[in-house]
Amino acid sequence: MNSQQVAPIGPAPISLAEWQELASLKAAIDGYPQSVCPSRQERFTELMVKSLVGKGDRPLITGP
């Protein structure tokens, strides 16, 4: 890595398998939320947060 490149920070982008799992969990939660156990709801939250990495980020403000 040369001095012009910046190492990526944070988790890797969401994979296709994770997107599919997220979509499946979303469908279950949308259909009948009471049928989704708390651990699967937590997994949905983890995947949702991971899918948002880099979206809406603003550049750092530097200078006076």
PDB file of N, CA and C in Angstrom:
ATOM      1  N   MET A   1       0.853  -1.170   0.000  1.00  0.00           N
ATOM      2  CA  MET A   1       0.000   0.000   0.000  1.00  0.00           C
ATOM      3  C   MET A   1       0.899   1.234   0.000  1.00  0.00           C
ATOM      4  N   ASN A   2       0.696   2.127  -0.989  1.00  0.00           N
ATOM      5  CA  ASN A   2       1.517   3.333  -1.011  1.00  0.00           C
ATOM      6  C   ASN A   2       0.920   4.401  -0.118  1.00  0.00           C
ATOM      7  N   SER A   3       1.588   5.545  -0.006  1.00  0.00           N
ATOM      8  CA  SER A   3       1.151   6.593   0.914  1.00  0.00           C
ATOM      9  C   SER A   3      -0.141   7.276   0.475  1.00  0.00           C
ATOM     10  N   GLN A   4      -0.575   7.074  -0.769  1.00  0.00           N
ATOM     11  CA  GLN A   4      -1.805   7.686  -1.266  1.00  0.00           C
ATOM     12  C   GLN A   4      -3.046   6.865  -0.939  1.00  0.00           C
ATOM     13  N   GLN A   5      -2.875   5.606  -0.615  1.00  0.00           N
ATOM     14  CA  GLN A   5      -4.014   4.740  -0.344  1.00  0.00           C
ATOM     15  C   GLN A   5      -4.360   4.759   1.137  1.00  0.00           C
ATOM     16  N   VAL A   6      -5.635   4.617   1.415  1.00  0.00           N
ATOM     17  CA  VAL A   6      -6.104   4.575   2.793  1.00  0.00           C
ATOM     18  C   VAL A   6      -6.667   3.185   3.055  1.00  0.00           C
ATOM     19  N   ALA A   7      -6.261   2.601   4.154  1.00  0.00           N
ATOM     20  CA  ALA A   7      -6.769   1.276   4.513  1.00  0.00           C
ATOM     21  C   ALA A   7      -8.243   1.377   4.875  1.00  0.00           C
ATOM     22  N   PRO A   8      -9.042   0.409   4.445  1.00  0.00           N
ATOM     23  CA  PRO A   8     -10.462   0.443   4.804  1.00  0.00           C
ATOM     24  C   PRO A   8     -10.651   0.291   6.311  1.00  0.00           C
ATOM     25  N   ILE A   9     -11.620   1.004   6.830  1.00  0.00           N
ATOM     26  CA  ILE A   9     -11.921   0.946   8.260  1.00  0.00           C
ATOM     27  C   ILE A   9     -13.319   0.373   8.416  1.00  0.00           C
ATOM     28  N   GLY A  10     -13.496  -0.486   9.396  1.00  0.00           N
ATOM     29  CA  GLY A  10     -14.817  -1.025   9.662  1.00  0.00           C
ATOM     30  C   GLY A  10     -15.024  -2.385   9.017  1.00  0.00           C
ATOM     31  N   PRO A  11     -16.246  -2.872   9.120  1.00  0.00           N
ATOM     32  CA  PRO A  11     -16.542  -4.213   8.614  1.00  0.00           C
ATOM     33  C   PRO A  11     -16.565  -4.269   7.093  1.00  0.00           C
ATOM     34  N   ALA A  12     -16.433  -5.469   6.577  1.00  0.00           N
ATOM     35  CA  ALA A  12     -16.515  -5.682   5.132  1.00  0.00           C
ATOM     36  C   ALA A  12     -17.952  -5.435   4.675  1.00  0.00           C
ATOM     37  N   PRO A  13     -18.123  -5.110   3.401  1.00  0.00           N
ATOM     38  CA  PRO A  13     -19.493  -4.910   2.899  1.00  0.00           C
ATOM     39  C   PRO A  13     -20.334  -6.173   3.085  1.00  0.00           C
ATOM     40  N   ILE A  14     -21.617  -5.996   3.103  1.00  0.00           N
ATOM     41  CA  ILE A  14     -22.542  -7.117   3.302  1.00  0.00           C
ATOM     42  C   ILE A  14     -22.482  -8.053   2.086  1.00  0.00           C
ATOM     43  N   SER A  15     -22.449  -9.337   2.346  1.00  0.00           N
ATOM     44  CA  SER A  15     -22.344 -10.332   1.273  1.00  0.00           C
ATOM     45  C   SER A  15     -23.731 -10.649   0.694  1.00  0.00           C
ATOM     46  N   LEU A  16     -23.740 -11.341  -0.416  1.00  0.00           N
ATOM     47  CA  LEU A  16     -25.003 -11.737  -1.042  1.00  0.00           C
ATOM     48  C   LEU A  16     -25.815 -12.635  -0.101  1.00  0.00           C
ATOM     49  N   ALA A  17     -25.150 -13.572   0.558  1.00  0.00           N
ATOM     50  CA  ALA A  17     -25.847 -14.466   1.493  1.00  0.00           C
ATOM     51  C   ALA A  17     -26.466 -13.664   2.641  1.00  0.00           C
ATOM     52  N   GLU A  18     -25.743 -12.651   3.112  1.00  0.00           N
ATOM     53  CA  GLU A  18     -26.275 -11.815   4.188  1.00  0.00           C
ATOM     54  C   GLU A  18     -27.462 -10.978   3.702  1.00  0.00           C
ATOM     55  N   TRP A  19     -27.396 -10.473   2.453  1.00  0.00           N
ATOM     56  CA  TRP A  19     -28.532  -9.747   1.875  1.00  0.00           C
ATOM     57  C   TRP A  19     -29.759 -10.637   1.830  1.00  0.00           C
ATOM     58  N   GLN A  20     -29.568 -11.883   1.418  1.00  0.00           N
ATOM     59  CA  GLN A  20     -30.687 -12.821   1.330  1.00  0.00           C
ATOM     60  C   GLN A  20     -31.258 -13.118   2.712  1.00  0.00           C
ATOM     61  N   GLU A  21     -30.383 -13.284   3.694  1.00  0.00           N
ATOM     62  CA  GLU A  21     -30.832 -13.515   5.071  1.00  0.00           C
ATOM     63  C   GLU A  21     -31.591 -12.294   5.589  1.00  0.00           C
ATOM     64  N   LEU A  22     -31.080 -11.106   5.302  1.00  0.00           N
ATOM     65  CA  LEU A  22     -31.739  -9.868   5.709  1.00  0.00           C
ATOM     66  C   LEU A  22     -33.135  -9.775   5.099  1.00  0.00           C
ATOM     67  N   ALA A  23     -33.248 -10.077   3.809  1.00  0.00           N
ATOM     68  CA  ALA A  23     -34.543 -10.024   3.122  1.00  0.00           C
ATOM     69  C   ALA A  23     -35.516 -11.042   3.715  1.00  0.00           C
ATOM     70  N   SER A  24     -35.023 -12.227   4.023  1.00  0.00           N
ATOM     71  CA  SER A  24     -35.861 -13.269   4.601  1.00  0.00           C
ATOM     72  C   SER A  24     -36.366 -12.861   5.985  1.00  0.00           C
ATOM     73  N   LEU A  25     -35.471 -12.333   6.803  1.00  0.00           N
ATOM     74  CA  LEU A  25     -35.868 -11.883   8.138  1.00  0.00           C
ATOM     75  C   LEU A  25     -36.840 -10.711   8.061  1.00  0.00           C
ATOM     76  N   LYS A  26     -36.608  -9.795   7.131  1.00  0.00           N
ATOM     77  CA  LYS A  26     -37.503  -8.651   6.968  1.00  0.00           C
ATOM     78  C   LYS A  26     -38.907  -9.127   6.596  1.00  0.00           C
ATOM     79  N   ALA A  27     -38.989 -10.090   5.698  1.00  0.00           N
ATOM     80  CA  ALA A  27     -40.287 -10.623   5.289  1.00  0.00           C
ATOM     81  C   ALA A  27     -41.006 -11.257   6.479  1.00  0.00           C
ATOM     82  N   ALA A  28     -40.274 -11.998   7.297  1.00  0.00           N
ATOM     83  CA  ALA A  28     -40.875 -12.637   8.467  1.00  0.00           C
ATOM     84  C   ALA A  28     -41.349 -11.589   9.476  1.00  0.00           C
ATOM     85  N   ILE A  29     -40.533 -10.571   9.700  1.00  0.00           N
ATOM     86  CA  ILE A  29     -40.893  -9.521  10.651  1.00  0.00           C
ATOM     87  C   ILE A  29     -42.072  -8.706  10.128  1.00  0.00           C
ATOM     88  N   ASP A  30     -42.075  -8.411   8.832  1.00  0.00           N
ATOM     89  CA  ASP A  30     -43.189  -7.663   8.246  1.00  0.00           C
ATOM     90  C   ASP A  30     -44.496  -8.457   8.311  1.00  0.00           C
ATOM     91  N   GLY A  31     -44.402  -9.762   8.106  1.00  0.00           N
ATOM     92  CA  GLY A  31     -45.591 -10.600   8.066  1.00  0.00           C
ATOM     93  C   GLY A  31     -46.216 -10.835   9.430  1.00  0.00           C
ATOM     94  N   TYR A  32     -45.419 -11.247  10.386  1.00  0.00           N
ATOM     95  CA  TYR A  32     -45.931 -11.566  11.713  1.00  0.00           C
ATOM     96  C   TYR A  32     -44.768 -11.460  12.707  1.00  0.00           C
ATOM     97  N   PRO A  33     -44.511 -10.256  13.234  1.00  0.00           N
ATOM     98  CA  PRO A  33     -43.339 -10.025  14.081  1.00  0.00           C
ATOM     99  C   PRO A  33     -43.241 -10.952  15.297  1.00  0.00           C
ATOM    100  N   GLN A  34     -44.373 -11.345  15.854  1.00  0.00           N
ATOM    101  CA  GLN A  34     -44.353 -12.195  17.043  1.00  0.00           C
ATOM    102  C   GLN A  34     -43.775 -13.578  16.759  1.00  0.00           C
ATOM    103  N   SER A  35     -43.726 -13.962  15.497  1.00  0.00           N
ATOM    104  CA  SER A  35     -43.214 -15.286  15.157  1.00  0.00           C
ATOM    105  C   SER A  35     -41.693 -15.337  15.081  1.00  0.00           C
ATOM    106  N   VAL A  36     -41.039 -14.176  15.166  1.00  0.00           N
ATOM    107  CA  VAL A  36     -39.575 -14.106  15.031  1.00  0.00           C
ATOM    108  C   VAL A  36     -38.965 -14.015  16.429  1.00  0.00           C
ATOM    109  N   CYS A  37     -38.133 -15.004  16.766  1.00  0.00           N
ATOM    110  CA  CYS A  37     -37.536 -15.037  18.105  1.00  0.00           C
ATOM    111  C   CYS A  37     -36.546 -13.879  18.276  1.00  0.00           C
ATOM    112  N   PRO A  38     -36.309 -13.468  19.511  1.00  0.00           N
ATOM    113  CA  PRO A  38     -35.435 -12.322  19.774  1.00  0.00           C
ATOM    114  C   PRO A  38     -34.032 -12.439  19.165  1.00  0.00           C
ATOM    115  N   SER A  39     -33.465 -13.643  19.156  1.00  0.00           N
ATOM    116  CA  SER A  39     -32.112 -13.772  18.592  1.00  0.00           C
ATOM    117  C   SER A  39     -32.109 -13.490  17.085  1.00  0.00           C
ATOM    118  N   ARG A  40     -33.183 -13.872  16.390  1.00  0.00           N
ATOM    119  CA  ARG A  40     -33.283 -13.585  14.951  1.00  0.00           C
ATOM    120  C   ARG A  40     -33.552 -12.097  14.730  1.00  0.00           C
ATOM    121  N   GLN A  41     -34.271 -11.452  15.641  1.00  0.00           N
ATOM    122  CA  GLN A  41     -34.486 -10.010  15.555  1.00  0.00           C
ATOM    123  C   GLN A  41     -33.159  -9.271  15.734  1.00  0.00           C
ATOM    124  N   GLU A  42     -32.340  -9.761  16.656  1.00  0.00           N
ATOM    125  CA  GLU A  42     -31.007  -9.184  16.856  1.00  0.00           C
ATOM    126  C   GLU A  42     -30.160  -9.349  15.595  1.00  0.00           C
ATOM    127  N   ARG A  43     -30.239 -10.525  14.985  1.00  0.00           N
ATOM    128  CA  ARG A  43     -29.489 -10.783  13.746  1.00  0.00           C
ATOM    129  C   ARG A  43     -29.940  -9.815  12.655  1.00  0.00           C
ATOM    130  N   PHE A  44     -31.245  -9.587  12.552  1.00  0.00           N
ATOM    131  CA  PHE A  44     -31.775  -8.628  11.580  1.00  0.00           C
ATOM    132  C   PHE A  44     -31.161  -7.249  11.817  1.00  0.00           C
ATOM    133  N   THR A  45     -31.113  -6.828  13.075  1.00  0.00           N
ATOM    134  CA  THR A  45     -30.538  -5.521  13.410  1.00  0.00           C
ATOM    135  C   THR A  45     -29.070  -5.454  13.017  1.00  0.00           C
ATOM    136  N   GLU A  46     -28.310  -6.497  13.306  1.00  0.00           N
ATOM    137  CA  GLU A  46     -26.889  -6.536  12.935  1.00  0.00           C
ATOM    138  C   GLU A  46     -26.717  -6.393  11.425  1.00  0.00           C
ATOM    139  N   LEU A  47     -27.504  -7.143  10.667  1.00  0.00           N
ATOM    140  CA  LEU A  47     -27.394  -7.094   9.209  1.00  0.00           C
ATOM    141  C   LEU A  47     -27.843  -5.740   8.670  1.00  0.00           C
ATOM    142  N   MET A  48     -28.886  -5.172   9.258  1.00  0.00           N
ATOM    143  CA  MET A  48     -29.375  -3.875   8.817  1.00  0.00           C
ATOM    144  C   MET A  48     -28.308  -2.802   9.013  1.00  0.00           C
ATOM    145  N   VAL A  49     -27.683  -2.813  10.175  1.00  0.00           N
ATOM    146  CA  VAL A  49     -26.617  -1.846  10.459  1.00  0.00           C
ATOM    147  C   VAL A  49     -25.447  -2.054   9.508  1.00  0.00           C
ATOM    148  N   LYS A  50     -25.075  -3.310   9.287  1.00  0.00           N
ATOM    149  CA  LYS A  50     -23.963  -3.608   8.383  1.00  0.00           C
ATOM    150  C   LYS A  50     -24.269  -3.138   6.959  1.00  0.00           C
ATOM    151  N   SER A  51     -25.537  -3.220   6.547  1.00  0.00           N
ATOM    152  CA  SER A  51     -25.906  -2.801   5.193  1.00  0.00           C
ATOM    153  C   SER A  51     -25.828  -1.292   5.023  1.00  0.00           C
ATOM    154  N   LEU A  52     -25.826  -0.547   6.124  1.00  0.00           N
ATOM    155  CA  LEU A  52     -25.798   0.917   6.061  1.00  0.00           C
ATOM    156  C   LEU A  52     -24.390   1.505   6.070  1.00  0.00           C
ATOM    157  N   VAL A  53     -23.377   0.679   6.274  1.00  0.00           N
ATOM    158  CA  VAL A  53     -22.000   1.171   6.349  1.00  0.00           C
ATOM    159  C   VAL A  53     -21.647   1.930   5.079  1.00  0.00           C
ATOM    160  N   GLY A  54     -21.231   3.182   5.250  1.00  0.00           N
ATOM    161  CA  GLY A  54     -20.804   4.007   4.122  1.00  0.00           C
ATOM    162  C   GLY A  54     -21.915   4.804   3.470  1.00  0.00           C
ATOM    163  N   LYS A  55     -23.151   4.521   3.786  1.00  0.00           N
ATOM    164  CA  LYS A  55     -24.260   5.250   3.187  1.00  0.00           C
ATOM    165  C   LYS A  55     -24.535   6.507   4.010  1.00  0.00           C
ATOM    166  N   GLY A  56     -24.562   7.642   3.349  1.00  0.00           N
ATOM    167  CA  GLY A  56     -24.851   8.885   4.032  1.00  0.00           C
ATOM    168  C   GLY A  56     -23.680   9.483   4.789  1.00  0.00           C
ATOM    169  N   ASP A  57     -22.511   8.869   4.642  1.00  0.00           N
ATOM    170  CA  ASP A  57     -21.338   9.431   5.303  1.00  0.00           C
ATOM    171  C   ASP A  57     -20.984  10.765   4.665  1.00  0.00           C
ATOM    172  N   ARG A  58     -20.569  11.677   5.498  1.00  0.00           N
ATOM    173  CA  ARG A  58     -20.152  12.986   4.997  1.00  0.00           C
ATOM    174  C   ARG A  58     -18.632  13.084   5.069  1.00  0.00           C
ATOM    175  N   PRO A  59     -18.026  13.806   4.142  1.00  0.00           N
ATOM    176  CA  PRO A  59     -16.572  13.960   4.210  1.00  0.00           C
ATOM    177  C   PRO A  59     -16.176  14.763   5.440  1.00  0.00           C
ATOM    178  N   LEU A  60     -14.987  14.461   5.941  1.00  0.00           N
ATOM    179  CA  LEU A  60     -14.480  15.200   7.077  1.00  0.00           C
ATOM    180  C   LEU A  60     -14.225  16.647   6.694  1.00  0.00           C
ATOM    181  N   ILE A  61     -14.548  17.545   7.574  1.00  0.00           N
ATOM    182  CA  ILE A  61     -14.284  18.962   7.329  1.00  0.00           C
ATOM    183  C   ILE A  61     -12.913  19.276   7.902  1.00  0.00           C
ATOM    184  N   THR A  62     -12.043  19.768   7.052  1.00  0.00           N
ATOM    185  CA  THR A  62     -10.699  20.100   7.499  1.00  0.00           C
ATOM    186  C   THR A  62     -10.447  21.585   7.241  1.00  0.00           C
ATOM    187  N   GLY A  63      -9.576  22.129   7.993  1.00  0.00           N
ATOM    188  CA  GLY A  63      -9.242  23.532   7.823  1.00  0.00           C
ATOM    189  C   GLY A  63      -9.939  24.409   8.849  1.00  0.00           C
ATOM    190  N   PRO A  64      -9.663  25.710   8.774  1.00  0.00           N
ATOM    191  CA  PRO A  64     -10.233  26.632   9.769  1.00  0.00           C
ATOM    192  C   PRO A  64     -11.706  26.847   9.612  1.00  0.00           C
TER     193      PRO A  64
END
